[in-house]
Amino acid sequence: MEKIHFENCVKSFFLGLFIGVILQLFDHSDMLFEYQVLTVLASGSVGFLIGLVTEWLTSILPIRMANARTYFFMNNLIALVVATIIMAALYMITSSEMESKREFMPILLIVLGMICIANLFDYMMYRRAQNKLKTYQASMESLKHEGTD
């Protein structure tokens, strides 16, 4: 549990909230506002659950996968599999209320696409931070060498 990045779980919660809002815009059924809010909150909770399971599974990966690119790839792959399993389970639980499987596939594709985009964005932000760190370290080294001359 100490290797789990709970910050990523919180990010997953907010991603779930965002996906819930997007899916509410996608859904054209007449639903009370209170139910829409509950649906968005449930989506955030599912996002948190997906994030927690993904982070737990990622934390038990072998240390030889410590390369950042491999870590982000495996994390994304695990997140997609976990999201698919959880969404399929939720579909089976609520299948009596859903009209057809045709409703499920577009929703699943939207969710998986947004997870991929979010993970790609997270990786790009990581790379940007690493590049800024290298630039800062190089500038500090040049200042250090100027001071000794």
N, C-alpha and C. Protein backbone atom coordinates (compact mmCIF):
# COMPACT_ATOMS: atom_id res chain seq x y z
N MET A 1 0.82 -1.20 0.00
CA MET A 1 0.00 0.00 0.00
C MET A 1 0.86 1.26 0.00
N GLU A 2 2.10 1.16 0.45
CA GLU A 2 2.93 2.35 0.52
C GLU A 2 3.40 2.81 -0.86
N LYS A 3 3.37 1.93 -1.86
CA LYS A 3 3.80 2.30 -3.21
C LYS A 3 2.67 2.91 -4.03
N ILE A 4 1.46 2.82 -3.54
CA ILE A 4 0.31 3.32 -4.29
C ILE A 4 0.33 4.85 -4.26
N HIS A 5 0.20 5.46 -5.42
CA HIS A 5 0.15 6.92 -5.53
C HIS A 5 -1.31 7.35 -5.42
N PHE A 6 -1.70 7.78 -4.23
CA PHE A 6 -3.09 8.17 -4.01
C PHE A 6 -3.46 9.43 -4.77
N GLU A 7 -2.45 10.21 -5.14
CA GLU A 7 -2.71 11.39 -5.97
C GLU A 7 -3.32 10.97 -7.31
N ASN A 8 -2.84 9.86 -7.86
CA ASN A 8 -3.41 9.35 -9.11
C ASN A 8 -4.83 8.85 -8.92
N CYS A 9 -5.14 8.32 -7.74
CA CYS A 9 -6.52 7.89 -7.46
C CYS A 9 -7.45 9.09 -7.42
N VAL A 10 -6.97 10.19 -6.84
CA VAL A 10 -7.77 11.41 -6.78
C VAL A 10 -7.95 11.97 -8.20
N LYS A 11 -6.89 11.92 -9.01
CA LYS A 11 -7.00 12.34 -10.41
C LYS A 11 -8.04 11.48 -11.13
N SER A 12 -8.06 10.19 -10.82
CA SER A 12 -9.03 9.29 -11.44
C SER A 12 -10.45 9.64 -11.02
N PHE A 13 -10.61 10.07 -9.77
CA PHE A 13 -11.93 10.51 -9.31
C PHE A 13 -12.41 11.69 -10.14
N PHE A 14 -11.55 12.68 -10.32
CA PHE A 14 -11.95 13.87 -11.08
C PHE A 14 -12.13 13.54 -12.56
N LEU A 15 -11.32 12.62 -13.08
CA LEU A 15 -11.54 12.16 -14.45
C LEU A 15 -12.89 11.47 -14.56
N GLY A 16 -13.25 10.68 -13.56
CA GLY A 16 -14.56 10.03 -13.54
C GLY A 16 -15.69 11.05 -13.51
N LEU A 17 -15.51 12.12 -12.71
CA LEU A 17 -16.51 13.19 -12.70
C LEU A 17 -16.65 13.82 -14.08
N PHE A 18 -15.51 14.09 -14.71
CA PHE A 18 -15.53 14.70 -16.04
C PHE A 18 -16.19 13.78 -17.05
N ILE A 19 -15.86 12.50 -17.00
CA ILE A 19 -16.49 11.54 -17.91
C ILE A 19 -17.99 11.47 -17.65
N GLY A 20 -18.38 11.53 -16.38
CA GLY A 20 -19.80 11.54 -16.05
C GLY A 20 -20.53 12.72 -16.65
N VAL A 21 -19.91 13.89 -16.61
CA VAL A 21 -20.51 15.09 -17.21
C VAL A 21 -20.62 14.92 -18.72
N ILE A 22 -19.54 14.42 -19.35
CA ILE A 22 -19.55 14.20 -20.80
C ILE A 22 -20.64 13.20 -21.17
N LEU A 23 -20.78 12.13 -20.40
CA LEU A 23 -21.80 11.13 -20.72
C LEU A 23 -23.20 11.68 -20.51
N GLN A 24 -23.36 12.62 -19.58
CA GLN A 24 -24.66 13.27 -19.41
C GLN A 24 -25.01 14.10 -20.63
N LEU A 25 -24.02 14.71 -21.25
CA LEU A 25 -24.25 15.47 -22.47
C LEU A 25 -24.56 14.53 -23.64
N PHE A 26 -23.99 13.33 -23.60
CA PHE A 26 -24.21 12.33 -24.64
C PHE A 26 -25.60 11.71 -24.53
N ASP A 27 -26.10 11.60 -23.30
CA ASP A 27 -27.41 10.98 -23.04
C ASP A 27 -28.52 12.01 -23.27
N HIS A 28 -29.49 11.65 -24.09
CA HIS A 28 -30.57 12.58 -24.42
C HIS A 28 -31.88 12.22 -23.72
N SER A 29 -31.83 11.37 -22.71
CA SER A 29 -33.05 11.00 -22.00
C SER A 29 -33.42 12.09 -21.01
N ASP A 30 -34.71 12.16 -20.70
CA ASP A 30 -35.18 13.14 -19.72
C ASP A 30 -35.00 12.55 -18.33
N MET A 31 -34.09 13.13 -17.59
CA MET A 31 -33.80 12.66 -16.25
C MET A 31 -33.80 13.87 -15.33
N LEU A 32 -34.27 13.67 -14.12
CA LEU A 32 -34.25 14.75 -13.15
C LEU A 32 -32.81 15.21 -12.89
N PHE A 33 -32.66 16.49 -12.59
CA PHE A 33 -31.34 17.05 -12.34
C PHE A 33 -30.65 16.33 -11.18
N GLU A 34 -31.42 15.98 -10.16
CA GLU A 34 -30.83 15.29 -9.00
C GLU A 34 -30.23 13.96 -9.41
N TYR A 35 -30.90 13.24 -10.30
CA TYR A 35 -30.38 11.96 -10.78
C TYR A 35 -29.13 12.16 -11.64
N GLN A 36 -29.11 13.24 -12.40
CA GLN A 36 -27.92 13.53 -13.19
C GLN A 36 -26.73 13.81 -12.30
N VAL A 37 -26.94 14.56 -11.22
CA VAL A 37 -25.86 14.85 -10.28
C VAL A 37 -25.40 13.56 -9.61
N LEU A 38 -26.34 12.71 -9.21
CA LEU A 38 -25.97 11.43 -8.60
C LEU A 38 -25.21 10.54 -9.58
N THR A 39 -25.60 10.59 -10.84
CA THR A 39 -24.90 9.81 -11.86
C THR A 39 -23.47 10.29 -12.03
N VAL A 40 -23.27 11.61 -12.04
CA VAL A 40 -21.92 12.16 -12.17
C VAL A 40 -21.08 11.79 -10.94
N LEU A 41 -21.67 11.87 -9.75
CA LEU A 41 -20.93 11.48 -8.54
C LEU A 41 -20.61 9.99 -8.54
N ALA A 42 -21.54 9.18 -9.01
CA ALA A 42 -21.27 7.74 -9.12
C ALA A 42 -20.15 7.49 -10.13
N SER A 43 -20.14 8.25 -11.21
CA SER A 43 -19.08 8.12 -12.19
C SER A 43 -17.73 8.49 -11.58
N GLY A 44 -17.70 9.51 -10.76
CA GLY A 44 -16.47 9.87 -10.05
C GLY A 44 -16.02 8.77 -9.11
N SER A 45 -16.97 8.16 -8.42
CA SER A 45 -16.64 7.06 -7.51
C SER A 45 -16.09 5.86 -8.26
N VAL A 46 -16.69 5.56 -9.41
CA VAL A 46 -16.19 4.47 -10.24
C VAL A 46 -14.79 4.82 -10.74
N GLY A 47 -14.57 6.07 -11.10
CA GLY A 47 -13.24 6.51 -11.51
C GLY A 47 -12.22 6.33 -10.41
N PHE A 48 -12.61 6.66 -9.18
CA PHE A 48 -11.71 6.46 -8.04
C PHE A 48 -11.40 4.98 -7.85
N LEU A 49 -12.41 4.14 -7.96
CA LEU A 49 -12.22 2.69 -7.83
C LEU A 49 -11.29 2.17 -8.92
N ILE A 50 -11.50 2.61 -10.15
CA ILE A 50 -10.63 2.20 -11.25
C ILE A 50 -9.20 2.67 -10.98
N GLY A 51 -9.05 3.90 -10.53
CA GLY A 51 -7.73 4.43 -10.22
C GLY A 51 -7.05 3.67 -9.10
N LEU A 52 -7.80 3.32 -8.06
CA LEU A 52 -7.23 2.59 -6.93
C LEU A 52 -6.76 1.19 -7.35
N VAL A 53 -7.60 0.48 -8.08
CA VAL A 53 -7.23 -0.86 -8.54
C VAL A 53 -6.05 -0.78 -9.51
N THR A 54 -6.07 0.20 -10.40
CA THR A 54 -4.98 0.37 -11.36
C THR A 54 -3.67 0.67 -10.64
N GLU A 55 -3.71 1.57 -9.68
CA GLU A 55 -2.49 1.91 -8.94
C GLU A 55 -2.00 0.73 -8.12
N TRP A 56 -2.91 -0.04 -7.54
CA TRP A 56 -2.51 -1.22 -6.77
C TRP A 56 -1.83 -2.24 -7.68
N LEU A 57 -2.44 -2.50 -8.84
CA LEU A 57 -1.85 -3.46 -9.76
C LEU A 57 -0.52 -2.95 -10.32
N THR A 58 -0.43 -1.66 -10.58
CA THR A 58 0.82 -1.08 -11.07
C THR A 58 1.91 -1.14 -10.01
N SER A 59 1.53 -1.00 -8.74
CA SER A 59 2.53 -1.00 -7.67
C SER A 59 3.15 -2.38 -7.45
N ILE A 60 2.49 -3.43 -7.91
CA ILE A 60 3.06 -4.77 -7.72
C ILE A 60 3.85 -5.24 -8.94
N LEU A 61 3.99 -4.35 -9.94
CA LEU A 61 4.82 -4.70 -11.09
C LEU A 61 6.28 -4.85 -10.66
N PRO A 62 7.04 -5.67 -11.35
CA PRO A 62 8.46 -5.82 -11.00
C PRO A 62 9.23 -4.52 -11.21
N ILE A 63 10.27 -4.34 -10.43
CA ILE A 63 11.07 -3.12 -10.45
C ILE A 63 11.79 -2.93 -11.79
N ARG A 64 12.01 -4.00 -12.53
CA ARG A 64 12.72 -3.86 -13.81
C ARG A 64 11.90 -3.08 -14.83
N MET A 65 10.64 -2.83 -14.52
CA MET A 65 9.79 -2.02 -15.39
C MET A 65 9.79 -0.56 -14.95
N ALA A 66 10.84 -0.14 -14.29
CA ALA A 66 10.89 1.20 -13.72
C ALA A 66 11.09 2.29 -14.76
N ASN A 67 11.33 1.94 -16.00
CA ASN A 67 11.43 2.91 -17.08
C ASN A 67 10.11 3.69 -17.15
N ALA A 68 10.19 5.00 -17.28
CA ALA A 68 8.98 5.84 -17.26
C ALA A 68 8.03 5.49 -18.39
N ARG A 69 8.55 5.30 -19.59
CA ARG A 69 7.69 4.99 -20.73
C ARG A 69 6.97 3.67 -20.52
N THR A 70 7.68 2.66 -20.03
CA THR A 70 7.08 1.35 -19.77
C THR A 70 6.05 1.46 -18.65
N TYR A 71 6.38 2.22 -17.61
CA TYR A 71 5.44 2.40 -16.49
C TYR A 71 4.14 3.02 -16.98
N PHE A 72 4.23 4.10 -17.74
CA PHE A 72 3.02 4.77 -18.21
C PHE A 72 2.23 3.89 -19.17
N PHE A 73 2.92 3.12 -20.01
CA PHE A 73 2.24 2.21 -20.92
C PHE A 73 1.50 1.12 -20.15
N MET A 74 2.19 0.51 -19.19
CA MET A 74 1.56 -0.55 -18.40
C MET A 74 0.41 0.01 -17.56
N ASN A 75 0.60 1.20 -17.00
CA ASN A 75 -0.45 1.83 -16.22
C ASN A 75 -1.68 2.08 -17.08
N ASN A 76 -1.49 2.55 -18.31
CA ASN A 76 -2.60 2.80 -19.21
C ASN A 76 -3.30 1.50 -19.59
N LEU A 77 -2.51 0.48 -19.89
CA LEU A 77 -3.07 -0.81 -20.26
C LEU A 77 -3.88 -1.41 -19.11
N ILE A 78 -3.33 -1.34 -17.92
CA ILE A 78 -4.05 -1.85 -16.74
C ILE A 78 -5.32 -1.04 -16.52
N ALA A 79 -5.26 0.29 -16.67
CA ALA A 79 -6.44 1.13 -16.48
C ALA A 79 -7.53 0.78 -17.49
N LEU A 80 -7.15 0.51 -18.72
CA LEU A 80 -8.14 0.15 -19.75
C LEU A 80 -8.80 -1.19 -19.43
N VAL A 81 -8.00 -2.16 -19.02
CA VAL A 81 -8.55 -3.48 -18.69
C VAL A 81 -9.46 -3.39 -17.46
N VAL A 82 -9.00 -2.69 -16.42
CA VAL A 82 -9.80 -2.55 -15.20
C VAL A 82 -11.10 -1.80 -15.50
N ALA A 83 -11.01 -0.73 -16.28
CA ALA A 83 -12.22 0.04 -16.62
C ALA A 83 -13.20 -0.82 -17.42
N THR A 84 -12.68 -1.61 -18.35
CA THR A 84 -13.56 -2.47 -19.15
C THR A 84 -14.25 -3.50 -18.26
N ILE A 85 -13.50 -4.11 -17.36
CA ILE A 85 -14.09 -5.12 -16.47
C ILE A 85 -15.14 -4.50 -15.55
N ILE A 86 -14.82 -3.36 -14.96
CA ILE A 86 -15.78 -2.72 -14.06
C ILE A 86 -17.01 -2.25 -14.82
N MET A 87 -16.81 -1.68 -16.00
CA MET A 87 -17.98 -1.23 -16.77
C MET A 87 -18.82 -2.41 -17.25
N ALA A 88 -18.18 -3.51 -17.62
CA ALA A 88 -18.94 -4.70 -18.03
C ALA A 88 -19.73 -5.25 -16.84
N ALA A 89 -19.12 -5.23 -15.66
CA ALA A 89 -19.83 -5.69 -14.46
C ALA A 89 -21.02 -4.78 -14.16
N LEU A 90 -20.81 -3.48 -14.27
CA LEU A 90 -21.92 -2.55 -14.04
C LEU A 90 -23.01 -2.72 -15.09
N TYR A 91 -22.60 -3.00 -16.31
CA TYR A 91 -23.58 -3.24 -17.37
C TYR A 91 -24.43 -4.48 -17.06
N MET A 92 -23.76 -5.54 -16.59
CA MET A 92 -24.50 -6.76 -16.27
C MET A 92 -25.45 -6.54 -15.09
N ILE A 93 -25.03 -5.74 -14.13
CA ILE A 93 -25.88 -5.46 -12.98
C ILE A 93 -27.10 -4.65 -13.38
N THR A 94 -26.91 -3.68 -14.27
CA THR A 94 -28.00 -2.78 -14.66
C THR A 94 -28.56 -3.09 -16.03
N SER A 95 -28.28 -4.25 -16.60
CA SER A 95 -28.68 -4.54 -17.98
C SER A 95 -30.18 -4.53 -18.17
N SER A 96 -30.94 -4.77 -17.13
CA SER A 96 -32.39 -4.74 -17.29
C SER A 96 -32.89 -3.33 -17.58
N GLU A 97 -32.13 -2.33 -17.14
CA GLU A 97 -32.55 -0.95 -17.36
C GLU A 97 -31.99 -0.36 -18.65
N MET A 98 -30.96 -0.93 -19.19
CA MET A 98 -30.41 -0.44 -20.45
C MET A 98 -31.17 -1.07 -21.60
N GLU A 99 -31.44 -0.27 -22.62
CA GLU A 99 -32.28 -0.75 -23.72
C GLU A 99 -31.60 -1.81 -24.57
N SER A 100 -30.33 -1.61 -24.88
CA SER A 100 -29.65 -2.58 -25.74
C SER A 100 -28.15 -2.47 -25.56
N LYS A 101 -27.47 -3.44 -26.15
CA LYS A 101 -26.00 -3.41 -26.12
C LYS A 101 -25.46 -2.25 -26.95
N ARG A 102 -26.28 -1.76 -27.87
CA ARG A 102 -25.84 -0.64 -28.70
C ARG A 102 -25.60 0.61 -27.88
N GLU A 103 -26.24 0.73 -26.74
CA GLU A 103 -25.99 1.85 -25.85
C GLU A 103 -24.66 1.70 -25.13
N PHE A 104 -24.30 0.47 -24.82
CA PHE A 104 -23.11 0.21 -24.01
C PHE A 104 -21.81 0.47 -24.76
N MET A 105 -21.71 0.03 -25.99
CA MET A 105 -20.45 0.13 -26.73
C MET A 105 -20.00 1.58 -26.94
N PRO A 106 -20.86 2.51 -27.37
CA PRO A 106 -20.38 3.89 -27.50
C PRO A 106 -19.94 4.49 -26.16
N ILE A 107 -20.65 4.15 -25.10
CA ILE A 107 -20.28 4.65 -23.78
C ILE A 107 -18.91 4.08 -23.38
N LEU A 108 -18.72 2.79 -23.59
CA LEU A 108 -17.45 2.16 -23.27
C LEU A 108 -16.31 2.77 -24.08
N LEU A 109 -16.55 3.01 -25.36
CA LEU A 109 -15.51 3.59 -26.21
C LEU A 109 -15.19 5.02 -25.79
N ILE A 110 -16.18 5.79 -25.39
CA ILE A 110 -15.94 7.15 -24.90
C ILE A 110 -15.09 7.11 -23.64
N VAL A 111 -15.45 6.23 -22.71
CA VAL A 111 -14.72 6.12 -21.45
C VAL A 111 -13.28 5.68 -21.70
N LEU A 112 -13.09 4.64 -22.50
CA LEU A 112 -11.74 4.14 -22.76
C LEU A 112 -10.90 5.17 -23.52
N GLY A 113 -11.53 5.88 -24.46
CA GLY A 113 -10.82 6.93 -25.18
C GLY A 113 -10.39 8.06 -24.27
N MET A 114 -11.25 8.45 -23.35
CA MET A 114 -10.90 9.52 -22.42
C MET A 114 -9.83 9.07 -21.44
N ILE A 115 -9.84 7.81 -21.04
CA ILE A 115 -8.78 7.29 -20.17
C ILE A 115 -7.44 7.33 -20.91
N CYS A 116 -7.44 6.92 -22.17
CA CYS A 116 -6.20 6.95 -22.96
C CYS A 116 -5.69 8.39 -23.10
N ILE A 117 -6.58 9.31 -23.40
CA ILE A 117 -6.18 10.71 -23.56
C ILE A 117 -5.64 11.26 -22.24
N ALA A 118 -6.30 10.94 -21.13
CA ALA A 118 -5.84 11.43 -19.83
C ALA A 118 -4.47 10.86 -19.48
N ASN A 119 -4.26 9.57 -19.75
CA ASN A 119 -2.96 8.97 -19.47
C ASN A 119 -1.87 9.52 -20.39
N LEU A 120 -2.21 9.78 -21.64
CA LEU A 120 -1.24 10.38 -22.55
C LEU A 120 -0.89 11.80 -22.09
N PHE A 121 -1.89 12.55 -21.66
CA PHE A 121 -1.65 13.90 -21.14
C PHE A 121 -0.77 13.84 -19.89
N ASP A 122 -1.05 12.87 -19.01
CA ASP A 122 -0.24 12.71 -17.80
C ASP A 122 1.21 12.40 -18.15
N TYR A 123 1.43 11.55 -19.15
CA TYR A 123 2.78 11.22 -19.58
C TYR A 123 3.47 12.44 -20.18
N MET A 124 2.75 13.20 -20.98
CA MET A 124 3.33 14.40 -21.58
C MET A 124 3.69 15.43 -20.52
N MET A 125 2.88 15.56 -19.49
CA MET A 125 3.19 16.48 -18.40
C MET A 125 4.42 16.00 -17.64
N TYR A 126 4.55 14.69 -17.47
CA TYR A 126 5.73 14.12 -16.82
C TYR A 126 6.98 14.44 -17.64
N ARG A 127 6.91 14.21 -18.96
CA ARG A 127 8.06 14.49 -19.83
C ARG A 127 8.42 15.98 -19.80
N ARG A 128 7.42 16.81 -19.79
CA ARG A 128 7.66 18.26 -19.74
C ARG A 128 8.37 18.64 -18.44
N ALA A 129 7.91 18.08 -17.34
CA ALA A 129 8.55 18.36 -16.05
C ALA A 129 9.99 17.85 -16.03
N GLN A 130 10.23 16.69 -16.62
CA GLN A 130 11.59 16.15 -16.67
C GLN A 130 12.50 17.03 -17.53
N ASN A 131 11.99 17.53 -18.64
CA ASN A 131 12.78 18.42 -19.50
C ASN A 131 13.09 19.73 -18.78
N LYS A 132 12.11 20.27 -18.07
CA LYS A 132 12.35 21.50 -17.31
C LYS A 132 13.39 21.26 -16.21
N LEU A 133 13.32 20.11 -15.58
CA LEU A 133 14.29 19.77 -14.54
C LEU A 133 15.70 19.68 -15.13
N LYS A 134 15.84 19.03 -16.28
CA LYS A 134 17.15 18.93 -16.92
C LYS A 134 17.68 20.31 -17.30
N THR A 135 16.82 21.18 -17.81
CA THR A 135 17.23 22.53 -18.16
C THR A 135 17.68 23.30 -16.93
N TYR A 136 16.93 23.16 -15.86
CA TYR A 136 17.28 23.84 -14.61
C TYR A 136 18.61 23.32 -14.06
N GLN A 137 18.79 22.00 -14.09
CA GLN A 137 20.05 21.42 -13.60
C GLN A 137 21.23 21.88 -14.45
N ALA A 138 21.03 21.97 -15.76
CA ALA A 138 22.10 22.44 -16.63
C ALA A 138 22.44 23.90 -16.34
N SER A 139 21.43 24.71 -16.10
CA SER A 139 21.70 26.12 -15.79
C SER A 139 22.40 26.25 -14.44
N MET A 140 22.04 25.41 -13.49
CA MET A 140 22.71 25.43 -12.18
C MET A 140 24.17 24.99 -12.32
N GLU A 141 24.42 23.98 -13.15
CA GLU A 141 25.79 23.52 -13.40
C GLU A 141 26.62 24.62 -14.05
N SER A 142 26.03 25.33 -15.02
CA SER A 142 26.79 26.40 -15.68
C SER A 142 27.08 27.54 -14.72
N LEU A 143 26.13 27.84 -13.82
CA LEU A 143 26.39 28.87 -12.80
C LEU A 143 27.46 28.42 -11.83
N LYS A 144 27.46 27.16 -11.50
CA LYS A 144 28.46 26.61 -10.58
C LYS A 144 29.86 26.69 -11.20
N HIS A 145 29.95 26.37 -12.49
CA HIS A 145 31.25 26.42 -13.17
C HIS A 145 31.72 27.86 -13.39
N GLU A 146 30.80 28.79 -13.58
CA GLU A 146 31.17 30.20 -13.74
C GLU A 146 31.72 30.75 -12.44
N GLY A 147 31.17 30.30 -11.32
CA GLY A 147 31.62 30.79 -10.02
C GLY A 147 32.99 30.30 -9.64
N THR A 148 33.44 29.17 -10.19
CA THR A 148 34.77 28.64 -9.85
C THR A 148 35.86 29.19 -10.74
N ASP A 149 35.48 29.83 -11.83
CA ASP A 149 36.51 30.38 -12.75
C ASP A 149 37.14 31.62 -12.23
